[in-house]
Structures are given as C-alpha cells and as structure tokens.
Amino acid sequence: MSITVHGVMHGRTIEIDEDVGVAEGQKVEVQVKIVPMSARKPGEGFFRTEGALADDVEWDGIMEEIYKARKVERRQVPDLEAP
C-alpha cells in the first residue's frame, strides 16, 4: 500500500495532516519530499482577484444595497428632556 499525505516537521517528528489508517506500532517506510514555501505575500490573493466582478450587474446591485445600509443612522440620541 502506498499513499501520499502532507505533514509538518517538528524536530525529529513529522506531524501528518490526516489519519492514514495505520495501526499503532506498525512499522512504515517514509520518503520525505520538501514542499517549497509559498512566495506569496499576505493579501496577495485579494489583489489577484481584483476586478473579477467588475462587469457583473447583479453584484453592482448587491454592493449598492450594502452601501445604502451603511449610511443609515443607527445611533440612538438620548432624550435629555426626560425626567
């Protein structure tokens, strides 16, 4: 049986991301392949999707509703003349 799973090194221990269904104490053979770290910067995913909905008329309507809802006054002004 041969499967491929991913994990993270912690010292001399590899923490596997999922249950591989191997009995406790079962001997296994492990082949390690280094997975390169992502060169992406935080927030880069947002920039890659920028403009994806630019020509979507339905989305424009949704955004307009959100914009109007945010402009509604929600603060409660206290009644200073109350006893």
PDB file of N, CA and C in Angstrom:
ATOM      1  N   MET A   1       0.843  -1.177   0.000  1.00  0.00           N
ATOM      2  CA  MET A   1       0.000   0.000   0.000  1.00  0.00           C
ATOM      3  C   MET A   1       0.884   1.235   0.000  1.00  0.00           C
ATOM      4  N   SER A   2       0.564   2.211  -0.847  1.00  0.00           N
ATOM      5  CA  SER A   2       1.325   3.450  -0.909  1.00  0.00           C
ATOM      6  C   SER A   2       0.350   4.619  -1.011  1.00  0.00           C
ATOM      7  N   ILE A   3       0.519   5.602  -0.134  1.00  0.00           N
ATOM      8  CA  ILE A   3      -0.318   6.800  -0.170  1.00  0.00           C
ATOM      9  C   ILE A   3       0.569   8.026  -0.016  1.00  0.00           C
ATOM     10  N   THR A   4       0.047   9.167  -0.429  1.00  0.00           N
ATOM     11  CA  THR A   4       0.770  10.422  -0.257  1.00  0.00           C
ATOM     12  C   THR A   4      -0.026  11.306   0.683  1.00  0.00           C
ATOM     13  N   VAL A   5       0.621  11.766   1.738  1.00  0.00           N
ATOM     14  CA  VAL A   5      -0.001  12.681   2.697  1.00  0.00           C
ATOM     15  C   VAL A   5       0.955  13.836   2.950  1.00  0.00           C
ATOM     16  N   HIS A   6       0.452  14.881   3.537  1.00  0.00           N
ATOM     17  CA  HIS A   6       1.281  16.038   3.850  1.00  0.00           C
ATOM     18  C   HIS A   6       1.411  16.167   5.363  1.00  0.00           C
ATOM     19  N   GLY A   7       2.470  16.798   5.777  1.00  0.00           N
ATOM     20  CA  GLY A   7       2.706  16.986   7.196  1.00  0.00           C
ATOM     21  C   GLY A   7       3.708  18.096   7.438  1.00  0.00           C
ATOM     22  N   VAL A   8       4.052  18.283   8.711  1.00  0.00           N
ATOM     23  CA  VAL A   8       4.970  19.341   9.130  1.00  0.00           C
ATOM     24  C   VAL A   8       6.016  18.735  10.048  1.00  0.00           C
ATOM     25  N   MET A   9       7.256  19.120   9.842  1.00  0.00           N
ATOM     26  CA  MET A   9       8.354  18.651  10.692  1.00  0.00           C
ATOM     27  C   MET A   9       8.369  19.417  12.008  1.00  0.00           C
ATOM     28  N   HIS A  10       8.564  18.697  13.100  1.00  0.00           N
ATOM     29  CA  HIS A  10       8.750  19.264  14.437  1.00  0.00           C
ATOM     30  C   HIS A  10       9.929  18.516  15.045  1.00  0.00           C
ATOM     31  N   GLY A  11      11.128  19.069  14.880  1.00  0.00           N
ATOM     32  CA  GLY A  11      12.319  18.365  15.359  1.00  0.00           C
ATOM     33  C   GLY A  11      12.503  17.089  14.556  1.00  0.00           C
ATOM     34  N   ARG A  12      12.479  15.939  15.245  1.00  0.00           N
ATOM     35  CA  ARG A  12      12.611  14.648  14.558  1.00  0.00           C
ATOM     36  C   ARG A  12      11.256  13.986  14.320  1.00  0.00           C
ATOM     37  N   THR A  13      10.170  14.704  14.544  1.00  0.00           N
ATOM     38  CA  THR A  13       8.822  14.155  14.395  1.00  0.00           C
ATOM     39  C   THR A  13       8.117  14.809  13.218  1.00  0.00           C
ATOM     40  N   ILE A  14       7.424  14.011  12.427  1.00  0.00           N
ATOM     41  CA  ILE A  14       6.603  14.537  11.333  1.00  0.00           C
ATOM     42  C   ILE A  14       5.149  14.447  11.769  1.00  0.00           C
ATOM     43  N   GLU A  15       4.472  15.589  11.835  1.00  0.00           N
ATOM     44  CA  GLU A  15       3.052  15.625  12.183  1.00  0.00           C
ATOM     45  C   GLU A  15       2.263  15.551  10.886  1.00  0.00           C
ATOM     46  N   ILE A  16       1.531  14.464  10.674  1.00  0.00           N
ATOM     47  CA  ILE A  16       0.781  14.235   9.445  1.00  0.00           C
ATOM     48  C   ILE A  16      -0.574  14.918   9.562  1.00  0.00           C
ATOM     49  N   ASP A  17      -1.022  15.553   8.465  1.00  0.00           N
ATOM     50  CA  ASP A  17      -2.248  16.344   8.457  1.00  0.00           C
ATOM     51  C   ASP A  17      -3.528  15.524   8.553  1.00  0.00           C
ATOM     52  N   GLU A  18      -3.475  14.222   8.310  1.00  0.00           N
ATOM     53  CA  GLU A  18      -4.688  13.410   8.303  1.00  0.00           C
ATOM     54  C   GLU A  18      -4.402  12.020   8.829  1.00  0.00           C
ATOM     55  N   ASP A  19      -5.451  11.308   9.192  1.00  0.00           N
ATOM     56  CA  ASP A  19      -5.323   9.930   9.657  1.00  0.00           C
ATOM     57  C   ASP A  19      -5.047   9.037   8.451  1.00  0.00           C
ATOM     58  N   VAL A  20      -3.975   8.278   8.529  1.00  0.00           N
ATOM     59  CA  VAL A  20      -3.615   7.419   7.399  1.00  0.00           C
ATOM     60  C   VAL A  20      -4.100   5.985   7.573  1.00  0.00           C
ATOM     61  N   GLY A  21      -4.744   5.691   8.672  1.00  0.00           N
ATOM     62  CA  GLY A  21      -5.313   4.370   8.879  1.00  0.00           C
ATOM     63  C   GLY A  21      -4.298   3.278   9.160  1.00  0.00           C
ATOM     64  N   VAL A  22      -3.187   3.633   9.781  1.00  0.00           N
ATOM     65  CA  VAL A  22      -2.145   2.660  10.105  1.00  0.00           C
ATOM     66  C   VAL A  22      -2.237   2.346  11.595  1.00  0.00           C
ATOM     67  N   ALA A  23      -2.138   1.081  11.946  1.00  0.00           N
ATOM     68  CA  ALA A  23      -2.235   0.659  13.341  1.00  0.00           C
ATOM     69  C   ALA A  23      -1.074   1.207  14.167  1.00  0.00           C
ATOM     70  N   GLU A  24      -1.348   1.500  15.416  1.00  0.00           N
ATOM     71  CA  GLU A  24      -0.326   1.968  16.357  1.00  0.00           C
ATOM     72  C   GLU A  24       0.790   0.926  16.446  1.00  0.00           C
ATOM     73  N   GLY A  25       2.025   1.357  16.315  1.00  0.00           N
ATOM     74  CA  GLY A  25       3.171   0.458  16.396  1.00  0.00           C
ATOM     75  C   GLY A  25       3.562  -0.187  15.076  1.00  0.00           C
ATOM     76  N   GLN A  26       2.757   0.013  14.039  1.00  0.00           N
ATOM     77  CA  GLN A  26       3.060  -0.555  12.712  1.00  0.00           C
ATOM     78  C   GLN A  26       4.291   0.121  12.143  1.00  0.00           C
ATOM     79  N   LYS A  27       5.230  -0.636  11.652  1.00  0.00           N
ATOM     80  CA  LYS A  27       6.413  -0.062  11.014  1.00  0.00           C
ATOM     81  C   LYS A  27       6.039   0.453   9.626  1.00  0.00           C
ATOM     82  N   VAL A  28       6.582   1.593   9.255  1.00  0.00           N
ATOM     83  CA  VAL A  28       6.310   2.195   7.947  1.00  0.00           C
ATOM     84  C   VAL A  28       7.616   2.682   7.342  1.00  0.00           C
ATOM     85  N   GLU A  29       7.607   2.885   6.060  1.00  0.00           N
ATOM     86  CA  GLU A  29       8.744   3.476   5.359  1.00  0.00           C
ATOM     87  C   GLU A  29       8.300   4.855   4.893  1.00  0.00           C
ATOM     88  N   VAL A  30       9.119   5.843   5.163  1.00  0.00           N
ATOM     89  CA  VAL A  30       8.753   7.223   4.847  1.00  0.00           C
ATOM     90  C   VAL A  30       9.744   7.797   3.841  1.00  0.00           C
ATOM     91  N   GLN A  31       9.219   8.390   2.805  1.00  0.00           N
ATOM     92  CA  GLN A  31      10.039   9.094   1.825  1.00  0.00           C
ATOM     93  C   GLN A  31       9.697  10.571   1.967  1.00  0.00           C
ATOM     94  N   VAL A  32      10.690  11.406   2.241  1.00  0.00           N
ATOM     95  CA  VAL A  32      10.451  12.823   2.502  1.00  0.00           C
ATOM     96  C   VAL A  32      10.741  13.640   1.255  1.00  0.00           C
ATOM     97  N   LYS A  33       9.785  14.463   0.885  1.00  0.00           N
ATOM     98  CA  LYS A  33       9.936  15.385  -0.244  1.00  0.00           C
ATOM     99  C   LYS A  33       9.670  16.780   0.298  1.00  0.00           C
ATOM    100  N   ILE A  34      10.614  17.690   0.123  1.00  0.00           N
ATOM    101  CA  ILE A  34      10.472  19.051   0.621  1.00  0.00           C
ATOM    102  C   ILE A  34       9.483  19.819  -0.256  1.00  0.00           C
ATOM    103  N   VAL A  35       8.473  20.418   0.376  1.00  0.00           N
ATOM    104  CA  VAL A  35       7.491  21.230  -0.325  1.00  0.00           C
ATOM    105  C   VAL A  35       7.934  22.682  -0.177  1.00  0.00           C
ATOM    106  N   PRO A  36       8.180  23.370  -1.290  1.00  0.00           N
ATOM    107  CA  PRO A  36       8.670  24.756  -1.188  1.00  0.00           C
ATOM    108  C   PRO A  36       7.637  25.666  -0.539  1.00  0.00           C
ATOM    109  N   MET A  37       8.136  26.608   0.253  1.00  0.00           N
ATOM    110  CA  MET A  37       7.275  27.589   0.900  1.00  0.00           C
ATOM    111  C   MET A  37       6.712  28.521  -0.163  1.00  0.00           C
ATOM    112  N   SER A  38       5.519  28.980   0.073  1.00  0.00           N
ATOM    113  CA  SER A  38       4.871  29.895  -0.857  1.00  0.00           C
ATOM    114  C   SER A  38       5.576  31.243  -0.827  1.00  0.00           C
ATOM    115  N   ALA A  39       5.803  31.800  -1.997  1.00  0.00           N
ATOM    116  CA  ALA A  39       6.457  33.104  -2.084  1.00  0.00           C
ATOM    117  C   ALA A  39       5.435  34.235  -2.042  1.00  0.00           C
ATOM    118  N   ARG A  40       4.181  33.909  -1.833  1.00  0.00           N
ATOM    119  CA  ARG A  40       3.134  34.926  -1.799  1.00  0.00           C
ATOM    120  C   ARG A  40       3.231  35.768  -0.534  1.00  0.00           C
ATOM    121  N   LYS A  41       2.879  37.012  -0.688  1.00  0.00           N
ATOM    122  CA  LYS A  41       2.859  37.935   0.441  1.00  0.00           C
ATOM    123  C   LYS A  41       1.440  37.987   0.999  1.00  0.00           C
ATOM    124  N   PRO A  42       1.284  38.304   2.289  1.00  0.00           N
ATOM    125  CA  PRO A  42      -0.066  38.419   2.849  1.00  0.00           C
ATOM    126  C   PRO A  42      -0.902  39.427   2.062  1.00  0.00           C
ATOM    127  N   GLY A  43      -2.120  39.049   1.737  1.00  0.00           N
ATOM    128  CA  GLY A  43      -3.020  39.928   0.997  1.00  0.00           C
ATOM    129  C   GLY A  43      -2.915  39.809  -0.507  1.00  0.00           C
ATOM    130  N   GLU A  44      -1.961  39.055  -1.004  1.00  0.00           N
ATOM    131  CA  GLU A  44      -1.759  38.937  -2.449  1.00  0.00           C
ATOM    132  C   GLU A  44      -2.969  38.299  -3.134  1.00  0.00           C
ATOM    133  N   GLY A  45      -3.647  37.403  -2.436  1.00  0.00           N
ATOM    134  CA  GLY A  45      -4.824  36.755  -3.013  1.00  0.00           C
ATOM    135  C   GLY A  45      -5.919  37.751  -3.346  1.00  0.00           C
ATOM    136  N   PHE A  46      -6.075  38.780  -2.512  1.00  0.00           N
ATOM    137  CA  PHE A  46      -7.075  39.804  -2.793  1.00  0.00           C
ATOM    138  C   PHE A  46      -6.730  40.546  -4.082  1.00  0.00           C
ATOM    139  N   PHE A  47      -5.466  40.869  -4.258  1.00  0.00           N
ATOM    140  CA  PHE A  47      -5.057  41.592  -5.454  1.00  0.00           C
ATOM    141  C   PHE A  47      -5.219  40.739  -6.717  1.00  0.00           C
ATOM    142  N   ARG A  48      -5.036  39.428  -6.591  1.00  0.00           N
ATOM    143  CA  ARG A  48      -5.168  38.550  -7.757  1.00  0.00           C
ATOM    144  C   ARG A  48      -6.613  38.443  -8.222  1.00  0.00           C
ATOM    145  N   THR A  49      -7.582  38.668  -7.318  1.00  0.00           N
ATOM    146  CA  THR A  49      -8.992  38.588  -7.693  1.00  0.00           C
ATOM    147  C   THR A  49      -9.601  39.960  -7.963  1.00  0.00           C
ATOM    148  N   GLU A  50      -8.822  40.999  -7.847  1.00  0.00           N
ATOM    149  CA  GLU A  50      -9.323  42.355  -8.058  1.00  0.00           C
ATOM    150  C   GLU A  50      -9.928  42.489  -9.456  1.00  0.00           C
ATOM    151  N   GLY A  51     -11.124  43.018  -9.517  1.00  0.00           N
ATOM    152  CA  GLY A  51     -11.789  43.235 -10.794  1.00  0.00           C
ATOM    153  C   GLY A  51     -12.558  42.040 -11.313  1.00  0.00           C
ATOM    154  N   ALA A  52     -12.592  40.940 -10.573  1.00  0.00           N
ATOM    155  CA  ALA A  52     -13.263  39.734 -11.045  1.00  0.00           C
ATOM    156  C   ALA A  52     -14.760  39.954 -11.254  1.00  0.00           C
ATOM    157  N   LEU A  53     -15.369  40.852 -10.480  1.00  0.00           N
ATOM    158  CA  LEU A  53     -16.809  41.109 -10.584  1.00  0.00           C
ATOM    159  C   LEU A  53     -17.103  42.488 -11.162  1.00  0.00           C
ATOM    160  N   ALA A  54     -16.140  43.070 -11.854  1.00  0.00           N
ATOM    161  CA  ALA A  54     -16.278  44.439 -12.346  1.00  0.00           C
ATOM    162  C   ALA A  54     -17.447  44.627 -13.301  1.00  0.00           C
ATOM    163  N   ASP A  55     -17.770  43.654 -14.121  1.00  0.00           N
ATOM    164  CA  ASP A  55     -18.842  43.796 -15.112  1.00  0.00           C
ATOM    165  C   ASP A  55     -20.102  43.017 -14.735  1.00  0.00           C
ATOM    166  N   ASP A  56     -20.242  42.660 -13.475  1.00  0.00           N
ATOM    167  CA  ASP A  56     -21.379  41.872 -13.014  1.00  0.00           C
ATOM    168  C   ASP A  56     -22.475  42.810 -12.501  1.00  0.00           C
ATOM    169  N   VAL A  57     -23.558  42.952 -13.258  1.00  0.00           N
ATOM    170  CA  VAL A  57     -24.639  43.876 -12.912  1.00  0.00           C
ATOM    171  C   VAL A  57     -25.300  43.470 -11.599  1.00  0.00           C
ATOM    172  N   GLU A  58     -25.498  42.182 -11.375  1.00  0.00           N
ATOM    173  CA  GLU A  58     -26.120  41.720 -10.133  1.00  0.00           C
ATOM    174  C   GLU A  58     -25.262  42.108  -8.933  1.00  0.00           C
ATOM    175  N   TRP A  59     -23.963  41.954  -9.053  1.00  0.00           N
ATOM    176  CA  TRP A  59     -23.049  42.303  -7.962  1.00  0.00           C
ATOM    177  C   TRP A  59     -23.088  43.806  -7.694  1.00  0.00           C
ATOM    178  N   ASP A  60     -23.211  44.614  -8.732  1.00  0.00           N
ATOM    179  CA  ASP A  60     -23.310  46.066  -8.550  1.00  0.00           C
ATOM    180  C   ASP A  60     -24.524  46.406  -7.692  1.00  0.00           C
ATOM    181  N   GLY A  61     -25.653  45.726  -7.920  1.00  0.00           N
ATOM    182  CA  GLY A  61     -26.856  45.954  -7.129  1.00  0.00           C
ATOM    183  C   GLY A  61     -26.666  45.565  -5.675  1.00  0.00           C
ATOM    184  N   ILE A  62     -26.000  44.456  -5.455  1.00  0.00           N
ATOM    185  CA  ILE A  62     -25.730  43.997  -4.087  1.00  0.00           C
ATOM    186  C   ILE A  62     -24.856  45.010  -3.359  1.00  0.00           C
ATOM    187  N   MET A  63     -23.817  45.476  -4.018  1.00  0.00           N
ATOM    188  CA  MET A  63     -22.918  46.448  -3.390  1.00  0.00           C
ATOM    189  C   MET A  63     -23.630  47.772  -3.111  1.00  0.00           C
ATOM    190  N   GLU A  64     -24.537  48.175  -3.978  1.00  0.00           N
ATOM    191  CA  GLU A  64     -25.309  49.401  -3.770  1.00  0.00           C
ATOM    192  C   GLU A  64     -26.191  49.272  -2.523  1.00  0.00           C
ATOM    193  N   GLU A  65     -26.822  48.107  -2.344  1.00  0.00           N
ATOM    194  CA  GLU A  65     -27.631  47.861  -1.145  1.00  0.00           C
ATOM    195  C   GLU A  65     -26.776  47.942   0.119  1.00  0.00           C
ATOM    196  N   ILE A  66     -25.603  47.360   0.080  1.00  0.00           N
ATOM    197  CA  ILE A  66     -24.696  47.404   1.233  1.00  0.00           C
ATOM    198  C   ILE A  66     -24.292  48.839   1.518  1.00  0.00           C
ATOM    199  N   TYR A  67     -23.962  49.586   0.489  1.00  0.00           N
ATOM    200  CA  TYR A  67     -23.557  50.988   0.649  1.00  0.00           C
ATOM    201  C   TYR A  67     -24.673  51.794   1.309  1.00  0.00           C
ATOM    202  N   LYS A  68     -25.916  51.630   0.836  1.00  0.00           N
ATOM    203  CA  LYS A  68     -27.049  52.362   1.409  1.00  0.00           C
ATOM    204  C   LYS A  68     -27.301  51.944   2.857  1.00  0.00           C
ATOM    205  N   ALA A  69     -27.188  50.655   3.147  1.00  0.00           N
ATOM    206  CA  ALA A  69     -27.422  50.162   4.510  1.00  0.00           C
ATOM    207  C   ALA A  69     -26.398  50.730   5.481  1.00  0.00           C
ATOM    208  N   ARG A  70     -25.190  50.956   5.030  1.00  0.00           N
ATOM    209  CA  ARG A  70     -24.148  51.500   5.907  1.00  0.00           C
ATOM    210  C   ARG A  70     -24.336  52.982   6.168  1.00  0.00           C
ATOM    211  N   LYS A  71     -25.089  53.654   5.333  1.00  0.00           N
ATOM    212  CA  LYS A  71     -25.320  55.087   5.500  1.00  0.00           C
ATOM    213  C   LYS A  71     -26.491  55.383   6.437  1.00  0.00           C
ATOM    214  N   VAL A  72     -27.277  54.379   6.818  1.00  0.00           N
ATOM    215  CA  VAL A  72     -28.424  54.565   7.694  1.00  0.00           C
ATOM    216  C   VAL A  72     -27.930  54.914   9.099  1.00  0.00           C
ATOM    217  N   GLU A  73     -28.530  55.947   9.681  1.00  0.00           N
ATOM    218  CA  GLU A  73     -28.165  56.366  11.043  1.00  0.00           C
ATOM    219  C   GLU A  73     -28.654  55.320  12.033  1.00  0.00           C
ATOM    220  N   ARG A  74     -27.763  54.780  12.842  1.00  0.00           N
ATOM    221  CA  ARG A  74     -28.127  53.744  13.801  1.00  0.00           C
ATOM    222  C   ARG A  74     -27.933  54.189  15.242  1.00  0.00           C
ATOM    223  N   ARG A  75     -27.301  55.332  15.417  1.00  0.00           N
ATOM    224  CA  ARG A  75     -27.075  55.797  16.786  1.00  0.00           C
ATOM    225  C   ARG A  75     -28.388  56.240  17.411  1.00  0.00           C
ATOM    226  N   GLN A  76     -28.539  56.011  18.686  1.00  0.00           N
ATOM    227  CA  GLN A  76     -29.716  56.449  19.407  1.00  0.00           C
ATOM    228  C   GLN A  76     -29.347  57.702  20.196  1.00  0.00           C
ATOM    229  N   VAL A  77     -30.067  58.778  19.932  1.00  0.00           N
ATOM    230  CA  VAL A  77     -29.810  60.037  20.614  1.00  0.00           C
ATOM    231  C   VAL A  77     -30.602  60.028  21.903  1.00  0.00           C
ATOM    232  N   PRO A  78     -29.922  60.218  23.044  1.00  0.00           N
ATOM    233  CA  PRO A  78     -30.638  60.193  24.310  1.00  0.00           C
ATOM    234  C   PRO A  78     -31.589  61.390  24.421  1.00  0.00           C
ATOM    235  N   ASP A  79     -32.729  61.150  25.050  1.00  0.00           N
ATOM    236  CA  ASP A  79     -33.706  62.209  25.286  1.00  0.00           C
ATOM    237  C   ASP A  79     -33.289  62.948  26.536  1.00  0.00           C
ATOM    238  N   LEU A  80     -32.725  64.149  26.388  1.00  0.00           N
ATOM    239  CA  LEU A  80     -32.192  64.912  27.510  1.00  0.00           C
ATOM    240  C   LEU A  80     -33.294  65.582  28.326  1.00  0.00           C
ATOM    241  N   GLU A  81     -34.505  65.666  27.779  1.00  0.00           N
ATOM    242  CA  GLU A  81     -35.585  66.323  28.495  1.00  0.00           C
ATOM    243  C   GLU A  81     -36.376  65.353  29.366  1.00  0.00           C
ATOM    244  N   ALA A  82     -36.078  64.090  29.308  1.00  0.00           N
ATOM    245  CA  ALA A  82     -36.788  63.099  30.122  1.00  0.00           C
ATOM    246  C   ALA A  82     -36.395  63.248  31.577  1.00  0.00           C
ATOM    247  N   PRO A  83     -37.361  63.046  32.516  1.00  0.00           N
ATOM    248  CA  PRO A  83     -37.061  63.220  33.974  1.00  0.00           C
ATOM    249  C   PRO A  83     -36.122  62.192  34.512  1.00  0.00           C
TER     250      PRO A  83
END
